[in-house]
Amino acid sequence: AISKRHSISAVFASPPWGGPGYHRGARQFRISEMKPFSASQVFQAASKVSPNIALFLPRFSCPDDIQALAEESKSTASGNLFELERNYVVEKNMYRQETAITLYFGHLATSETTQL
């Protein structure tokens, strides 16, 4: 349990989305079906600690699942603030490879929820 004396300003979560079923030619990764916890379950647990949440997820996460999570966040203290950031690694030959996405909620976000 978190002590009432401490204030948590933000939560960063990188749920385990790798493993044997990861990517196998899939065009989309269903964050709503992640195991052992869905993105929604991770978000709900994090929102009990702070309204400011960052979720690090696969680059090809399902846009419908992301939109549903953004809509779900509106009913929490995170409110309408939501942002999606694409994360890249730059190789030696200056080739940019998208590696993941980070979803920001609450005051970590810089914009209001929009359609993806």
PDB file of N, CA and C in Angstrom:
ATOM      1  N   ALA A   1       0.839  -1.191   0.000  1.00  0.00           N
ATOM      2  CA  ALA A   1       0.000   0.000   0.000  1.00  0.00           C
ATOM      3  C   ALA A   1       0.881   1.251   0.000  1.00  0.00           C
ATOM      4  N   ILE A   2       0.383   2.275  -0.617  1.00  0.00           N
ATOM      5  CA  ILE A   2       1.114   3.535  -0.693  1.00  0.00           C
ATOM      6  C   ILE A   2       0.756   4.384   0.511  1.00  0.00           C
ATOM      7  N   SER A   3       1.753   4.928   1.139  1.00  0.00           N
ATOM      8  CA  SER A   3       1.560   5.750   2.317  1.00  0.00           C
ATOM      9  C   SER A   3       0.786   7.021   1.974  1.00  0.00           C
ATOM     10  N   LYS A   4      -0.093   7.415   2.867  1.00  0.00           N
ATOM     11  CA  LYS A   4      -0.858   8.649   2.678  1.00  0.00           C
ATOM     12  C   LYS A   4       0.045   9.872   2.798  1.00  0.00           C
ATOM     13  N   ARG A   5       1.227   9.716   3.380  1.00  0.00           N
ATOM     14  CA  ARG A   5       2.153  10.835   3.555  1.00  0.00           C
ATOM     15  C   ARG A   5       2.849  11.212   2.252  1.00  0.00           C
ATOM     16  N   HIS A   6       2.858  10.314   1.289  1.00  0.00           N
ATOM     17  CA  HIS A   6       3.581  10.571   0.045  1.00  0.00           C
ATOM     18  C   HIS A   6       2.602  10.872  -1.086  1.00  0.00           C
ATOM     19  N   SER A   7       2.967  11.797  -1.902  1.00  0.00           N
ATOM     20  CA  SER A   7       2.160  12.141  -3.055  1.00  0.00           C
ATOM     21  C   SER A   7       2.883  11.639  -4.308  1.00  0.00           C
ATOM     22  N   ILE A   8       2.189  10.874  -5.115  1.00  0.00           N
ATOM     23  CA  ILE A   8       2.762  10.350  -6.346  1.00  0.00           C
ATOM     24  C   ILE A   8       2.331  11.270  -7.479  1.00  0.00           C
ATOM     25  N   SER A   9       3.283  11.905  -8.148  1.00  0.00           N
ATOM     26  CA  SER A   9       2.934  12.881  -9.179  1.00  0.00           C
ATOM     27  C   SER A   9       2.619  12.216 -10.523  1.00  0.00           C
ATOM     28  N   ALA A  10       3.191  11.044 -10.809  1.00  0.00           N
ATOM     29  CA  ALA A  10       2.939  10.382 -12.083  1.00  0.00           C
ATOM     30  C   ALA A  10       3.285   8.897 -11.988  1.00  0.00           C
ATOM     31  N   VAL A  11       2.687   8.124 -12.887  1.00  0.00           N
ATOM     32  CA  VAL A  11       2.960   6.692 -12.968  1.00  0.00           C
ATOM     33  C   VAL A  11       3.390   6.376 -14.397  1.00  0.00           C
ATOM     34  N   PHE A  12       4.527   5.686 -14.550  1.00  0.00           N
ATOM     35  CA  PHE A  12       4.980   5.191 -15.840  1.00  0.00           C
ATOM     36  C   PHE A  12       4.847   3.677 -15.811  1.00  0.00           C
ATOM     37  N   ALA A  13       4.141   3.115 -16.789  1.00  0.00           N
ATOM     38  CA  ALA A  13       3.967   1.666 -16.840  1.00  0.00           C
ATOM     39  C   ALA A  13       4.404   1.138 -18.196  1.00  0.00           C
ATOM     40  N   SER A  14       5.180   0.087 -18.146  1.00  0.00           N
ATOM     41  CA  SER A  14       5.595  -0.624 -19.353  1.00  0.00           C
ATOM     42  C   SER A  14       5.162  -2.074 -19.161  1.00  0.00           C
ATOM     43  N   PRO A  15       3.860  -2.332 -19.401  1.00  0.00           N
ATOM     44  CA  PRO A  15       3.366  -3.685 -19.153  1.00  0.00           C
ATOM     45  C   PRO A  15       4.032  -4.703 -20.066  1.00  0.00           C
ATOM     46  N   PRO A  16       4.108  -5.955 -19.632  1.00  0.00           N
ATOM     47  CA  PRO A  16       4.792  -6.990 -20.435  1.00  0.00           C
ATOM     48  C   PRO A  16       3.987  -7.351 -21.678  1.00  0.00           C
ATOM     49  N   TRP A  17       4.376  -6.796 -22.822  1.00  0.00           N
ATOM     50  CA  TRP A  17       3.660  -7.085 -24.055  1.00  0.00           C
ATOM     51  C   TRP A  17       4.464  -7.936 -25.015  1.00  0.00           C
ATOM     52  N   GLY A  18       5.632  -8.378 -24.630  1.00  0.00           N
ATOM     53  CA  GLY A  18       6.433  -9.257 -25.485  1.00  0.00           C
ATOM     54  C   GLY A  18       6.020 -10.698 -25.291  1.00  0.00           C
ATOM     55  N   GLY A  19       6.892 -11.588 -25.584  1.00  0.00           N
ATOM     56  CA  GLY A  19       6.608 -13.001 -25.378  1.00  0.00           C
ATOM     57  C   GLY A  19       6.326 -13.741 -26.676  1.00  0.00           C
ATOM     58  N   PRO A  20       5.965 -15.017 -26.564  1.00  0.00           N
ATOM     59  CA  PRO A  20       5.808 -15.880 -27.728  1.00  0.00           C
ATOM     60  C   PRO A  20       4.788 -15.390 -28.756  1.00  0.00           C
ATOM     61  N   GLY A  21       3.712 -14.746 -28.324  1.00  0.00           N
ATOM     62  CA  GLY A  21       2.679 -14.311 -29.253  1.00  0.00           C
ATOM     63  C   GLY A  21       2.899 -12.929 -29.829  1.00  0.00           C
ATOM     64  N   TYR A  22       3.973 -12.270 -29.416  1.00  0.00           N
ATOM     65  CA  TYR A  22       4.208 -10.893 -29.837  1.00  0.00           C
ATOM     66  C   TYR A  22       4.633 -10.818 -31.291  1.00  0.00           C
ATOM     67  N   HIS A  23       3.956 -10.060 -32.059  1.00  0.00           N
ATOM     68  CA  HIS A  23       4.217  -9.683 -33.446  1.00  0.00           C
ATOM     69  C   HIS A  23       3.965 -10.790 -34.459  1.00  0.00           C
ATOM     70  N   ARG A  24       4.334 -11.950 -34.335  1.00  0.00           N
ATOM     71  CA  ARG A  24       4.106 -13.058 -35.265  1.00  0.00           C
ATOM     72  C   ARG A  24       3.311 -12.682 -36.512  1.00  0.00           C
ATOM     73  N   GLY A  25       3.755 -11.665 -37.194  1.00  0.00           N
ATOM     74  CA  GLY A  25       3.114 -11.264 -38.433  1.00  0.00           C
ATOM     75  C   GLY A  25       1.817 -10.502 -38.239  1.00  0.00           C
ATOM     76  N   ALA A  26       1.447 -10.249 -37.000  1.00  0.00           N
ATOM     77  CA  ALA A  26       0.204  -9.535 -36.733  1.00  0.00           C
ATOM     78  C   ALA A  26       0.321  -8.093 -37.211  1.00  0.00           C
ATOM     79  N   ARG A  27      -0.754  -7.573 -37.750  1.00  0.00           N
ATOM     80  CA  ARG A  27      -0.764  -6.187 -38.209  1.00  0.00           C
ATOM     81  C   ARG A  27      -1.100  -5.243 -37.059  1.00  0.00           C
ATOM     82  N   GLN A  28      -1.777  -5.770 -36.054  1.00  0.00           N
ATOM     83  CA  GLN A  28      -2.141  -4.959 -34.895  1.00  0.00           C
ATOM     84  C   GLN A  28      -1.979  -5.790 -33.633  1.00  0.00           C
ATOM     85  N   PHE A  29      -1.610  -5.109 -32.562  1.00  0.00           N
ATOM     86  CA  PHE A  29      -1.496  -5.756 -31.255  1.00  0.00           C
ATOM     87  C   PHE A  29      -2.675  -5.277 -30.414  1.00  0.00           C
ATOM     88  N   ARG A  30      -3.479  -6.204 -29.918  1.00  0.00           N
ATOM     89  CA  ARG A  30      -4.677  -5.857 -29.153  1.00  0.00           C
ATOM     90  C   ARG A  30      -4.287  -5.592 -27.686  1.00  0.00           C
ATOM     91  N   ILE A  31      -4.129  -4.325 -27.341  1.00  0.00           N
ATOM     92  CA  ILE A  31      -3.776  -3.978 -25.958  1.00  0.00           C
ATOM     93  C   ILE A  31      -4.934  -4.269 -25.013  1.00  0.00           C
ATOM     94  N   SER A  32      -6.134  -4.428 -25.580  1.00  0.00           N
ATOM     95  CA  SER A  32      -7.298  -4.792 -24.761  1.00  0.00           C
ATOM     96  C   SER A  32      -7.251  -6.259 -24.360  1.00  0.00           C
ATOM     97  N   GLU A  33      -6.361  -7.032 -24.988  1.00  0.00           N
ATOM     98  CA  GLU A  33      -6.265  -8.464 -24.707  1.00  0.00           C
ATOM     99  C   GLU A  33      -4.887  -8.867 -24.171  1.00  0.00           C
ATOM    100  N   MET A  34      -4.084  -7.870 -23.740  1.00  0.00           N
ATOM    101  CA  MET A  34      -2.760  -8.194 -23.185  1.00  0.00           C
ATOM    102  C   MET A  34      -2.913  -9.104 -21.981  1.00  0.00           C
ATOM    103  N   LYS A  35      -1.936  -9.951 -21.761  1.00  0.00           N
ATOM    104  CA  LYS A  35      -1.911 -10.848 -20.608  1.00  0.00           C
ATOM    105  C   LYS A  35      -0.672 -10.547 -19.780  1.00  0.00           C
ATOM    106  N   PRO A  36      -0.660 -10.581 -18.500  1.00  0.00           N
ATOM    107  CA  PRO A  36      -1.776 -10.988 -17.657  1.00  0.00           C
ATOM    108  C   PRO A  36      -2.801  -9.874 -17.391  1.00  0.00           C
ATOM    109  N   PHE A  37      -2.502  -8.634 -17.790  1.00  0.00           N
ATOM    110  CA  PHE A  37      -3.435  -7.532 -17.559  1.00  0.00           C
ATOM    111  C   PHE A  37      -3.635  -6.748 -18.846  1.00  0.00           C
ATOM    112  N   SER A  38      -4.872  -6.383 -19.132  1.00  0.00           N
ATOM    113  CA  SER A  38      -5.144  -5.556 -20.300  1.00  0.00           C
ATOM    114  C   SER A  38      -4.656  -4.135 -20.035  1.00  0.00           C
ATOM    115  N   ALA A  39      -4.539  -3.345 -21.094  1.00  0.00           N
ATOM    116  CA  ALA A  39      -4.137  -1.940 -20.928  1.00  0.00           C
ATOM    117  C   ALA A  39      -5.127  -1.201 -20.030  1.00  0.00           C
ATOM    118  N   SER A  40      -6.396  -1.535 -20.148  1.00  0.00           N
ATOM    119  CA  SER A  40      -7.418  -0.904 -19.303  1.00  0.00           C
ATOM    120  C   SER A  40      -7.181  -1.227 -17.833  1.00  0.00           C
ATOM    121  N   GLN A  41      -6.858  -2.471 -17.528  1.00  0.00           N
ATOM    122  CA  GLN A  41      -6.592  -2.858 -16.137  1.00  0.00           C
ATOM    123  C   GLN A  41      -5.349  -2.151 -15.601  1.00  0.00           C
ATOM    124  N   VAL A  42      -4.315  -2.037 -16.425  1.00  0.00           N
ATOM    125  CA  VAL A  42      -3.100  -1.329 -16.013  1.00  0.00           C
ATOM    126  C   VAL A  42      -3.431   0.138 -15.764  1.00  0.00           C
ATOM    127  N   PHE A  43      -4.198   0.735 -16.688  1.00  0.00           N
ATOM    128  CA  PHE A  43      -4.591   2.142 -16.546  1.00  0.00           C
ATOM    129  C   PHE A  43      -5.414   2.352 -15.270  1.00  0.00           C
ATOM    130  N   GLN A  44      -6.386   1.489 -15.015  1.00  0.00           N
ATOM    131  CA  GLN A  44      -7.232   1.638 -13.825  1.00  0.00           C
ATOM    132  C   GLN A  44      -6.405   1.535 -12.537  1.00  0.00           C
ATOM    133  N   ALA A  45      -5.462   0.604 -12.493  1.00  0.00           N
ATOM    134  CA  ALA A  45      -4.603   0.471 -11.311  1.00  0.00           C
ATOM    135  C   ALA A  45      -3.743   1.720 -11.134  1.00  0.00           C
ATOM    136  N   ALA A  46      -3.173   2.217 -12.233  1.00  0.00           N
ATOM    137  CA  ALA A  46      -2.322   3.414 -12.167  1.00  0.00           C
ATOM    138  C   ALA A  46      -3.138   4.636 -11.753  1.00  0.00           C
ATOM    139  N   SER A  47      -4.379   4.734 -12.226  1.00  0.00           N
ATOM    140  CA  SER A  47      -5.199   5.918 -11.918  1.00  0.00           C
ATOM    141  C   SER A  47      -5.601   5.985 -10.453  1.00  0.00           C
ATOM    142  N   LYS A  48      -5.460   4.886  -9.725  1.00  0.00           N
ATOM    143  CA  LYS A  48      -5.714   4.909  -8.279  1.00  0.00           C
ATOM    144  C   LYS A  48      -4.571   5.581  -7.530  1.00  0.00           C
ATOM    145  N   VAL A  49      -3.423   5.694  -8.198  1.00  0.00           N
ATOM    146  CA  VAL A  49      -2.230   6.276  -7.592  1.00  0.00           C
ATOM    147  C   VAL A  49      -2.035   7.726  -8.026  1.00  0.00           C
ATOM    148  N   SER A  50      -2.292   8.000  -9.316  1.00  0.00           N
ATOM    149  CA  SER A  50      -2.093   9.343  -9.856  1.00  0.00           C
ATOM    150  C   SER A  50      -2.929   9.516 -11.133  1.00  0.00           C
ATOM    151  N   PRO A  51      -3.404  10.718 -11.396  1.00  0.00           N
ATOM    152  CA  PRO A  51      -4.120  10.967 -12.655  1.00  0.00           C
ATOM    153  C   PRO A  51      -3.156  11.156 -13.840  1.00  0.00           C
ATOM    154  N   ASN A  52      -1.889  11.271 -13.563  1.00  0.00           N
ATOM    155  CA  ASN A  52      -0.866  11.499 -14.591  1.00  0.00           C
ATOM    156  C   ASN A  52      -0.174  10.175 -14.896  1.00  0.00           C
ATOM    157  N   ILE A  53      -0.480   9.632 -16.081  1.00  0.00           N
ATOM    158  CA  ILE A  53      -0.068   8.269 -16.408  1.00  0.00           C
ATOM    159  C   ILE A  53       0.594   8.237 -17.780  1.00  0.00           C
ATOM    160  N   ALA A  54       1.651   7.444 -17.896  1.00  0.00           N
ATOM    161  CA  ALA A  54       2.283   7.163 -19.185  1.00  0.00           C
ATOM    162  C   ALA A  54       2.316   5.648 -19.365  1.00  0.00           C
ATOM    163  N   LEU A  55       1.846   5.177 -20.523  1.00  0.00           N
ATOM    164  CA  LEU A  55       1.876   3.753 -20.844  1.00  0.00           C
ATOM    165  C   LEU A  55       2.761   3.537 -22.071  1.00  0.00           C
ATOM    166  N   PHE A  56       3.762   2.694 -21.940  1.00  0.00           N
ATOM    167  CA  PHE A  56       4.694   2.361 -23.022  1.00  0.00           C
ATOM    168  C   PHE A  56       4.184   1.081 -23.675  1.00  0.00           C
ATOM    169  N   LEU A  57       3.842   1.153 -24.982  1.00  0.00           N
ATOM    170  CA  LEU A  57       3.158   0.049 -25.655  1.00  0.00           C
ATOM    171  C   LEU A  57       3.765  -0.242 -27.028  1.00  0.00           C
ATOM    172  N   PRO A  58       3.403  -1.373 -27.639  1.00  0.00           N
ATOM    173  CA  PRO A  58       3.932  -1.712 -28.966  1.00  0.00           C
ATOM    174  C   PRO A  58       3.555  -0.687 -30.025  1.00  0.00           C
ATOM    175  N   ARG A  59       4.409  -0.523 -31.004  1.00  0.00           N
ATOM    176  CA  ARG A  59       4.201   0.475 -32.055  1.00  0.00           C
ATOM    177  C   ARG A  59       2.979   0.176 -32.908  1.00  0.00           C
ATOM    178  N   PHE A  60       2.587  -1.069 -32.999  1.00  0.00           N
ATOM    179  CA  PHE A  60       1.443  -1.421 -33.825  1.00  0.00           C
ATOM    180  C   PHE A  60       0.227  -1.789 -32.983  1.00  0.00           C
ATOM    181  N   SER A  61       0.065  -1.086 -31.844  1.00  0.00           N
ATOM    182  CA  SER A  61      -1.117  -1.277 -31.006  1.00  0.00           C
ATOM    183  C   SER A  61      -2.364  -0.888 -31.795  1.00  0.00           C
ATOM    184  N   CYS A  62      -3.438  -1.598 -31.556  1.00  0.00           N
ATOM    185  CA  CYS A  62      -4.691  -1.397 -32.275  1.00  0.00           C
ATOM    186  C   CYS A  62      -5.246   0.014 -32.013  1.00  0.00           C
ATOM    187  N   PRO A  63      -5.442   0.828 -33.057  1.00  0.00           N
ATOM    188  CA  PRO A  63      -5.976   2.186 -32.876  1.00  0.00           C
ATOM    189  C   PRO A  63      -7.333   2.218 -32.171  1.00  0.00           C
ATOM    190  N   ASP A  64      -8.191   1.219 -32.432  1.00  0.00           N
ATOM    191  CA  ASP A  64      -9.491   1.176 -31.764  1.00  0.00           C
ATOM    192  C   ASP A  64      -9.324   0.975 -30.256  1.00  0.00           C
ATOM    193  N   ASP A  65      -8.371   0.135 -29.862  1.00  0.00           N
ATOM    194  CA  ASP A  65      -8.107  -0.089 -28.437  1.00  0.00           C
ATOM    195  C   ASP A  65      -7.555   1.181 -27.785  1.00  0.00           C
ATOM    196  N   ILE A  66      -6.683   1.892 -28.501  1.00  0.00           N
ATOM    197  CA  ILE A  66      -6.124   3.144 -27.969  1.00  0.00           C
ATOM    198  C   ILE A  66      -7.232   4.168 -27.791  1.00  0.00           C
ATOM    199  N   GLN A  67      -8.111   4.280 -28.786  1.00  0.00           N
ATOM    200  CA  GLN A  67      -9.223   5.228 -28.706  1.00  0.00           C
ATOM    201  C   GLN A  67     -10.144   4.878 -27.540  1.00  0.00           C
ATOM    202  N   ALA A  68     -10.419   3.602 -27.342  1.00  0.00           N
ATOM    203  CA  ALA A  68     -11.273   3.174 -26.227  1.00  0.00           C
ATOM    204  C   ALA A  68     -10.632   3.537 -24.892  1.00  0.00           C
ATOM    205  N   LEU A  69      -9.317   3.364 -24.786  1.00  0.00           N
ATOM    206  CA  LEU A  69      -8.620   3.716 -23.553  1.00  0.00           C
ATOM    207  C   LEU A  69      -8.657   5.227 -23.321  1.00  0.00           C
ATOM    208  N   ALA A  70      -8.503   6.003 -24.388  1.00  0.00           N
ATOM    209  CA  ALA A  70      -8.598   7.463 -24.274  1.00  0.00           C
ATOM    210  C   ALA A  70      -9.995   7.877 -23.812  1.00  0.00           C
ATOM    211  N   GLU A  71     -11.019   7.227 -24.345  1.00  0.00           N
ATOM    212  CA  GLU A  71     -12.394   7.521 -23.924  1.00  0.00           C
ATOM    213  C   GLU A  71     -12.606   7.125 -22.465  1.00  0.00           C
ATOM    214  N   GLU A  72     -12.065   5.976 -22.078  1.00  0.00           N
ATOM    215  CA  GLU A  72     -12.181   5.508 -20.692  1.00  0.00           C
ATOM    216  C   GLU A  72     -11.532   6.503 -19.728  1.00  0.00           C
ATOM    217  N   SER A  73     -10.436   7.105 -20.152  1.00  0.00           N
ATOM    218  CA  SER A  73      -9.714   8.027 -19.267  1.00  0.00           C
ATOM    219  C   SER A  73     -10.536   9.270 -18.932  1.00  0.00           C
ATOM    220  N   LYS A  74     -11.507   9.597 -19.782  1.00  0.00           N
ATOM    221  CA  LYS A  74     -12.334  10.784 -19.537  1.00  0.00           C
ATOM    222  C   LYS A  74     -13.130  10.675 -18.239  1.00  0.00           C
ATOM    223  N   SER A  75     -13.432   9.456 -17.810  1.00  0.00           N
ATOM    224  CA  SER A  75     -14.219   9.271 -16.592  1.00  0.00           C
ATOM    225  C   SER A  75     -13.353   9.196 -15.337  1.00  0.00           C
ATOM    226  N   THR A  76     -12.052   9.435 -15.489  1.00  0.00           N
ATOM    227  CA  THR A  76     -11.141   9.404 -14.348  1.00  0.00           C
ATOM    228  C   THR A  76     -10.605  10.810 -14.086  1.00  0.00           C
ATOM    229  N   ALA A  77      -9.762  10.919 -13.093  1.00  0.00           N
ATOM    230  CA  ALA A  77      -9.161  12.216 -12.764  1.00  0.00           C
ATOM    231  C   ALA A  77      -8.238  12.703 -13.886  1.00  0.00           C
ATOM    232  N   SER A  78      -7.846  11.809 -14.807  1.00  0.00           N
ATOM    233  CA  SER A  78      -7.001  12.215 -15.935  1.00  0.00           C
ATOM    234  C   SER A  78      -7.754  13.144 -16.883  1.00  0.00           C
ATOM    235  N   GLY A  79      -9.076  13.029 -16.898  1.00  0.00           N
ATOM    236  CA  GLY A  79      -9.909  13.915 -17.707  1.00  0.00           C
ATOM    237  C   GLY A  79      -9.705  13.749 -19.193  1.00  0.00           C
ATOM    238  N   ASN A  80      -9.837  14.851 -19.939  1.00  0.00           N
ATOM    239  CA  ASN A  80      -9.750  14.816 -21.397  1.00  0.00           C
ATOM    240  C   ASN A  80      -8.331  14.904 -21.926  1.00  0.00           C
ATOM    241  N   LEU A  81      -7.346  14.947 -21.060  1.00  0.00           N
ATOM    242  CA  LEU A  81      -5.976  15.114 -21.535  1.00  0.00           C
ATOM    243  C   LEU A  81      -5.373  13.773 -21.943  1.00  0.00           C
ATOM    244  N   PHE A  82      -4.978  13.693 -23.216  1.00  0.00           N
ATOM    245  CA  PHE A  82      -4.435  12.469 -23.792  1.00  0.00           C
ATOM    246  C   PHE A  82      -3.479  12.835 -24.919  1.00  0.00           C
ATOM    247  N   GLU A  83      -2.380  12.106 -25.009  1.00  0.00           N
ATOM    248  CA  GLU A  83      -1.429  12.320 -26.097  1.00  0.00           C
ATOM    249  C   GLU A  83      -0.781  10.997 -26.465  1.00  0.00           C
ATOM    250  N   LEU A  84      -0.547  10.793 -27.756  1.00  0.00           N
ATOM    251  CA  LEU A  84       0.162   9.622 -28.248  1.00  0.00           C
ATOM    252  C   LEU A  84       1.490  10.100 -28.828  1.00  0.00           C
ATOM    253  N   GLU A  85       2.576   9.508 -28.372  1.00  0.00           N
ATOM    254  CA  GLU A  85       3.905   9.842 -28.878  1.00  0.00           C
ATOM    255  C   GLU A  85       4.514   8.596 -29.517  1.00  0.00           C
ATOM    256  N   ARG A  86       5.043   8.749 -30.703  1.00  0.00           N
ATOM    257  CA  ARG A  86       5.737   7.643 -31.367  1.00  0.00           C
ATOM    258  C   ARG A  86       7.214   7.700 -30.978  1.00  0.00           C
ATOM    259  N   ASN A  87       7.758   6.546 -30.580  1.00  0.00           N
ATOM    260  CA  ASN A  87       9.143   6.462 -30.132  1.00  0.00           C
ATOM    261  C   ASN A  87      10.001   5.831 -31.223  1.00  0.00           C
ATOM    262  N   TYR A  88      11.150   6.455 -31.495  1.00  0.00           N
ATOM    263  CA  TYR A  88      12.038   6.002 -32.565  1.00  0.00           C
ATOM    264  C   TYR A  88      13.441   5.762 -32.030  1.00  0.00           C
ATOM    265  N   VAL A  89      14.141   4.872 -32.726  1.00  0.00           N
ATOM    266  CA  VAL A  89      15.566   4.673 -32.531  1.00  0.00           C
ATOM    267  C   VAL A  89      16.209   5.070 -33.853  1.00  0.00           C
ATOM    268  N   VAL A  90      17.278   5.857 -33.795  1.00  0.00           N
ATOM    269  CA  VAL A  90      17.986   6.253 -35.008  1.00  0.00           C
ATOM    270  C   VAL A  90      19.224   5.372 -35.128  1.00  0.00           C
ATOM    271  N   GLU A  91      19.298   4.649 -36.234  1.00  0.00           N
ATOM    272  CA  GLU A  91      20.419   3.749 -36.479  1.00  0.00           C
ATOM    273  C   GLU A  91      21.637   4.543 -36.956  1.00  0.00           C
ATOM    274  N   LYS A  92      22.780   3.881 -37.022  1.00  0.00           N
ATOM    275  CA  LYS A  92      24.025   4.534 -37.451  1.00  0.00           C
ATOM    276  C   LYS A  92      23.900   5.172 -38.824  1.00  0.00           C
ATOM    277  N   ASN A  93      23.132   4.552 -39.705  1.00  0.00           N
ATOM    278  CA  ASN A  93      22.974   5.091 -41.062  1.00  0.00           C
ATOM    279  C   ASN A  93      21.874   6.155 -41.129  1.00  0.00           C
ATOM    280  N   MET A  94      21.469   6.653 -39.972  1.00  0.00           N
ATOM    281  CA  MET A  94      20.456   7.700 -39.834  1.00  0.00           C
ATOM    282  C   MET A  94      19.050   7.218 -40.209  1.00  0.00           C
ATOM    283  N   TYR A  95      18.854   5.914 -40.268  1.00  0.00           N
ATOM    284  CA  TYR A  95      17.544   5.338 -40.532  1.00  0.00           C
ATOM    285  C   TYR A  95      16.733   5.350 -39.240  1.00  0.00           C
ATOM    286  N   ARG A  96      15.538   5.923 -39.289  1.00  0.00           N
ATOM    287  CA  ARG A  96      14.666   5.976 -38.109  1.00  0.00           C
ATOM    288  C   ARG A  96      13.778   4.746 -38.076  1.00  0.00           C
ATOM    289  N   GLN A  97      13.818   4.023 -36.977  1.00  0.00           N
ATOM    290  CA  GLN A  97      12.993   2.831 -36.794  1.00  0.00           C
ATOM    291  C   GLN A  97      12.027   3.087 -35.647  1.00  0.00           C
ATOM    292  N   GLU A  98      10.727   3.063 -35.943  1.00  0.00           N
ATOM    293  CA  GLU A  98       9.752   3.222 -34.864  1.00  0.00           C
ATOM    294  C   GLU A  98       9.786   1.970 -34.007  1.00  0.00           C
ATOM    295  N   THR A  99       9.924   2.153 -32.699  1.00  0.00           N
ATOM    296  CA  THR A  99      10.058   1.015 -31.801  1.00  0.00           C
ATOM    297  C   THR A  99       8.847   0.798 -30.914  1.00  0.00           C
ATOM    298  N   ALA A 100       8.155   1.858 -30.560  1.00  0.00           N
ATOM    299  CA  ALA A 100       7.030   1.740 -29.625  1.00  0.00           C
ATOM    300  C   ALA A 100       6.232   3.031 -29.653  1.00  0.00           C
ATOM    301  N   ILE A 101       5.174   3.070 -28.848  1.00  0.00           N
ATOM    302  CA  ILE A 101       4.427   4.302 -28.628  1.00  0.00           C
ATOM    303  C   ILE A 101       4.300   4.510 -27.134  1.00  0.00           C
ATOM    304  N   THR A 102       4.134   5.747 -26.739  1.00  0.00           N
ATOM    305  CA  THR A 102       3.842   6.061 -25.339  1.00  0.00           C
ATOM    306  C   THR A 102       2.551   6.860 -25.319  1.00  0.00           C
ATOM    307  N   LEU A 103       1.608   6.421 -24.495  1.00  0.00           N
ATOM    308  CA  LEU A 103       0.357   7.139 -24.299  1.00  0.00           C
ATOM    309  C   LEU A 103       0.478   7.933 -23.013  1.00  0.00           C
ATOM    310  N   TYR A 104       0.165   9.222 -23.085  1.00  0.00           N
ATOM    311  CA  TYR A 104       0.227  10.094 -21.915  1.00  0.00           C
ATOM    312  C   TYR A 104      -1.182  10.528 -21.543  1.00  0.00           C
ATOM    313  N   PHE A 105      -1.471  10.526 -20.254  1.00  0.00           N
ATOM    314  CA  PHE A 105      -2.770  10.944 -19.735  1.00  0.00           C
ATOM    315  C   PHE A 105      -2.566  11.979 -18.636  1.00  0.00           C
ATOM    316  N   GLY A 106      -3.585  12.793 -18.411  1.00  0.00           N
ATOM    317  CA  GLY A 106      -3.504  13.807 -17.366  1.00  0.00           C
ATOM    318  C   GLY A 106      -2.553  14.913 -17.757  1.00  0.00           C
ATOM    319  N   HIS A 107      -1.855  15.464 -16.778  1.00  0.00           N
ATOM    320  CA  HIS A 107      -0.972  16.596 -17.043  1.00  0.00           C
ATOM    321  C   HIS A 107       0.322  16.227 -17.765  1.00  0.00           C
ATOM    322  N   LEU A 108       0.548  14.940 -18.001  1.00  0.00           N
ATOM    323  CA  LEU A 108       1.690  14.522 -18.829  1.00  0.00           C
ATOM    324  C   LEU A 108       1.380  14.766 -20.304  1.00  0.00           C
ATOM    325  N   ALA A 109       0.100  14.849 -20.642  1.00  0.00           N
ATOM    326  CA  ALA A 109      -0.331  15.089 -22.022  1.00  0.00           C
ATOM    327  C   ALA A 109      -0.334  16.569 -22.314  1.00  0.00           C
ATOM    328  N   THR A 110      -0.203  16.882 -23.600  1.00  0.00           N
ATOM    329  CA  THR A 110      -0.196  18.304 -23.978  1.00  0.00           C
ATOM    330  C   THR A 110      -1.410  18.701 -24.788  1.00  0.00           C
ATOM    331  N   SER A 111      -2.341  17.750 -25.005  1.00  0.00           N
ATOM    332  CA  SER A 111      -3.535  18.080 -25.796  1.00  0.00           C
ATOM    333  C   SER A 111      -4.739  17.333 -25.265  1.00  0.00           C
ATOM    334  N   GLU A 112      -5.923  17.749 -25.702  1.00  0.00           N
ATOM    335  CA  GLU A 112      -7.143  17.050 -25.319  1.00  0.00           C
ATOM    336  C   GLU A 112      -7.343  15.847 -26.213  1.00  0.00           C
ATOM    337  N   THR A 113      -8.145  14.896 -25.751  1.00  0.00           N
ATOM    338  CA  THR A 113      -8.414  13.680 -26.484  1.00  0.00           C
ATOM    339  C   THR A 113      -8.964  13.999 -27.874  1.00  0.00           C
ATOM    340  N   THR A 114      -8.368  13.362 -28.873  1.00  0.00           N
ATOM    341  CA  THR A 114      -8.828  13.534 -30.248  1.00  0.00           C
ATOM    342  C   THR A 114      -8.948  12.181 -30.902  1.00  0.00           C
ATOM    343  N   GLN A 115      -9.585  12.138 -32.045  1.00  0.00           N
ATOM    344  CA  GLN A 115      -9.670  10.901 -32.817  1.00  0.00           C
ATOM    345  C   GLN A 115      -8.273  10.534 -33.296  1.00  0.00           C
ATOM    346  N   LEU A 116      -7.985   9.251 -33.343  1.00  0.00           N
ATOM    347  CA  LEU A 116      -6.683   8.774 -33.819  1.00  0.00           C
ATOM    348  C   LEU A 116      -6.688   8.681 -35.323  1.00  0.00           C
TER     349      LEU A 116
END
